[in-house]
Amino acid sequence: MKNDAPMFGEYVKLVKTGEILKWKSYDPKTQMVEIELETGNISEVHQREIERITPNEEVEFLLKKKKSNS
């Protein structure tokens, strides 16, 4: 897989659950995205199953993540 998905930031949101996850790589040929689950496992989903997050969502997510790591 390649890491050249210009349409993504560092994080994406799963459409079904609203969960925000870090994406690892993107294959433009198959439109599959590797994402890192909260468990640390890697999963592949189709590009249609994720969406971009807003800057506000990213800030909220990172603040929660920082608090939980403290």
Protein backbone atom coordinates (compact mmCIF):
# COMPACT_ATOMS: atom_id res chain seq x y z
CA MET A 1 0.00 0.00 0.00
CA LYS A 2 1.04 3.56 -0.57
CA ASN A 3 0.93 6.47 1.83
CA ASP A 4 -0.25 9.03 -0.69
CA ALA A 5 -3.84 9.87 0.15
CA PRO A 6 -4.02 13.65 -0.28
CA MET A 7 -7.68 13.75 0.71
CA PHE A 8 -6.99 12.47 4.25
CA GLY A 9 -5.52 14.15 7.27
CA GLU A 10 -3.86 12.03 9.94
CA TYR A 11 -7.21 10.82 11.28
CA VAL A 12 -10.43 9.61 9.69
CA LYS A 13 -13.89 8.82 11.02
CA LEU A 14 -15.68 5.52 10.46
CA VAL A 15 -19.07 6.30 8.93
CA LYS A 16 -20.93 3.48 10.76
CA THR A 17 -19.69 4.19 14.29
CA GLY A 18 -18.39 7.76 14.23
CA GLU A 19 -15.16 6.45 15.74
CA ILE A 20 -12.06 8.54 14.96
CA LEU A 21 -9.02 6.48 14.04
CA LYS A 22 -5.54 7.03 12.64
CA TRP A 23 -5.07 5.94 9.06
CA LYS A 24 -1.86 4.16 8.09
CA SER A 25 -1.90 3.82 4.32
CA TYR A 26 -4.06 4.11 1.24
CA ASP A 27 -4.09 2.12 -1.98
CA PRO A 28 -5.56 4.29 -4.74
CA LYS A 29 -5.94 1.30 -7.06
CA THR A 30 -8.28 -0.60 -4.72
CA GLN A 31 -9.38 2.47 -2.70
CA MET A 32 -8.66 0.55 0.49
CA VAL A 33 -7.44 2.38 3.59
CA GLU A 34 -5.50 0.77 6.42
CA ILE A 35 -6.61 2.14 9.77
CA GLU A 36 -5.27 1.57 13.26
CA LEU A 37 -7.96 0.43 15.67
CA GLU A 38 -7.95 1.51 19.32
CA THR A 39 -6.68 -1.97 20.20
CA GLY A 40 -3.60 -1.31 18.08
CA ASN A 41 -4.66 -3.80 15.41
CA ILE A 42 -4.66 -2.77 11.77
CA SER A 43 -7.80 -3.12 9.67
CA GLU A 44 -8.63 -2.37 6.05
CA VAL A 45 -11.77 -0.53 5.02
CA HIS A 46 -12.98 0.85 1.72
CA GLN A 47 -12.69 4.58 1.23
CA ARG A 48 -16.52 4.84 1.23
CA GLU A 49 -16.58 3.59 4.84
CA ILE A 50 -14.64 6.59 6.18
CA GLU A 51 -14.89 10.35 6.04
CA ARG A 52 -12.69 13.30 6.84
CA ILE A 53 -12.91 14.86 10.25
CA THR A 54 -13.27 18.56 10.88
CA PRO A 55 -10.52 20.53 12.63
CA ASN A 56 -12.81 20.85 15.68
CA GLU A 57 -13.34 17.08 15.80
CA GLU A 58 -9.59 16.53 15.58
CA VAL A 59 -8.86 18.97 18.43
CA GLU A 60 -11.55 17.34 20.61
CA PHE A 61 -10.21 13.87 19.81
CA LEU A 62 -6.61 14.81 20.55
CA LEU A 63 -7.56 16.48 23.85
CA LYS A 64 -9.46 13.36 24.96
CA LYS A 65 -6.56 11.17 23.87
CA LYS A 66 -4.07 13.32 25.78
CA LYS A 67 -6.20 13.24 28.95
CA SER A 68 -6.58 9.47 28.78
CA ASN A 69 -2.80 9.03 28.38
CA SER A 70 -2.05 11.25 31.40
